[in-house]
Protein backbone atom coordinates (compact mmCIF):
# COMPACT_ATOMS: atom_id res chain seq x y z
CA MET A 1 -7.95 33.47 -28.46
CA SER A 2 -6.11 36.54 -27.53
CA LEU A 3 -2.80 36.31 -25.78
CA HIS A 4 -2.79 39.95 -24.72
CA LYS A 5 -3.16 40.81 -21.05
CA ASP A 6 -5.16 43.96 -21.81
CA ASP A 7 -8.03 42.05 -23.44
CA PRO A 8 -11.24 43.46 -21.91
CA LEU A 9 -13.23 40.21 -22.25
CA LEU A 10 -10.55 38.17 -20.50
CA SER A 11 -10.24 40.71 -17.72
CA LYS A 12 -14.03 40.60 -17.15
CA LEU A 13 -13.93 36.80 -17.09
CA ARG A 14 -11.11 36.87 -14.54
CA GLU A 15 -13.21 39.10 -12.28
CA LEU A 16 -16.07 36.58 -12.09
CA PRO A 17 -16.36 34.75 -8.77
CA ALA A 18 -15.30 31.13 -8.61
CA PRO A 19 -18.24 28.71 -8.33
CA VAL A 20 -18.55 27.04 -4.95
CA LEU A 21 -20.53 23.83 -4.48
CA ASP A 22 -21.80 22.90 -1.07
CA PRO A 23 -20.58 19.53 0.19
CA ALA A 24 -24.03 17.91 -0.08
CA ALA A 25 -24.43 18.83 -3.76
CA ARG A 26 -20.89 17.72 -4.46
CA ALA A 27 -21.56 14.33 -2.79
CA ARG A 28 -24.83 13.84 -4.72
CA THR A 29 -23.12 14.64 -8.00
CA ARG A 30 -20.25 12.27 -7.23
CA ARG A 31 -22.60 9.41 -6.28
CA ALA A 32 -24.63 9.92 -9.45
CA ALA A 33 -21.48 9.94 -11.60
CA GLU A 34 -20.14 6.79 -9.93
CA ARG A 35 -23.49 5.02 -10.42
CA VAL A 36 -23.58 5.89 -14.14
CA PHE A 37 -19.93 4.87 -14.53
CA ALA A 38 -20.61 1.51 -12.88
CA GLU A 39 -23.58 0.90 -15.19
CA GLU A 40 -21.64 1.83 -18.32
CA ALA A 41 -18.43 -0.03 -17.47
CA PRO A 42 -17.91 -3.39 -19.18
CA SER A 43 -18.74 -6.19 -16.80
CA GLY A 44 -16.92 -9.44 -16.40
CA ALA A 45 -13.44 -10.58 -17.13
CA ARG A 46 -14.41 -11.83 -20.60
CA SER A 47 -14.45 -8.38 -22.20
CA MET A 48 -11.14 -7.50 -20.55
CA ARG A 49 -9.63 -10.79 -21.69
CA LEU A 50 -10.76 -10.18 -25.28
CA GLY A 51 -9.31 -6.68 -25.20
CA TRP A 52 -6.03 -7.99 -23.83
CA MET A 53 -5.89 -10.75 -26.45
CA TRP A 54 -6.51 -8.24 -29.27
CA SER A 55 -3.88 -5.81 -28.11
CA ARG A 56 -1.36 -8.49 -27.28
CA THR A 57 -1.62 -10.95 -30.17
CA ALA A 58 -3.78 -9.81 -33.07
CA LEU A 59 -2.42 -6.29 -33.14
CA SER A 60 1.15 -7.62 -33.08
CA ALA A 61 0.35 -10.02 -35.92
CA VAL A 62 -1.18 -7.24 -38.02
CA LEU A 63 1.87 -5.03 -37.49
CA ALA A 64 4.28 -7.87 -38.34
CA LEU A 65 2.32 -8.73 -41.50
CA SER A 66 2.38 -5.06 -42.54
CA ALA A 67 6.15 -4.99 -42.08
CA VAL A 68 6.59 -8.13 -44.18
CA ILE A 69 4.42 -6.73 -46.98
CA TYR A 70 6.33 -3.43 -46.88
CA VAL A 71 9.73 -5.15 -47.07
CA ALA A 72 8.57 -7.41 -49.90
CA GLY A 73 7.36 -4.38 -51.86
CA ALA A 74 10.61 -2.52 -51.23
CA VAL A 75 12.72 -5.49 -52.35
CA ASP A 76 10.60 -5.88 -55.48
CA ALA A 77 10.93 -2.17 -56.32
CA LEU A 78 14.71 -2.22 -55.78
CA GLY A 79 14.99 -5.33 -57.92
CA LYS A 80 13.13 -3.65 -60.77
CA ILE A 81 15.29 -0.52 -60.51
CA TYR A 82 18.68 -2.23 -60.40
CA VAL A 83 17.88 -5.10 -62.79
CA ALA A 84 16.64 -2.59 -65.34
CA ALA A 85 19.82 -0.52 -64.94
CA ALA A 86 22.16 -3.50 -65.43
CA PRO A 87 23.91 -3.67 -68.84
């Protein structure tokens, strides 16, 4: 993309008229979008409850386990470095 204000393509694009939808077409489009959204949305509290449980408990447990493994590896590496350097 060009950042120059004298770009001929950008100036032609700026001169194009803004699209205007009539209210009836806008309402039809909105109703159709809401209908599709309602059909695609997960139904029931079960899926929301499972998502909440994953983000609240399992994800926390995975992060805590990762931290424990990382600290154990760091302590092991430091032990090898400093034990090997001891006289």
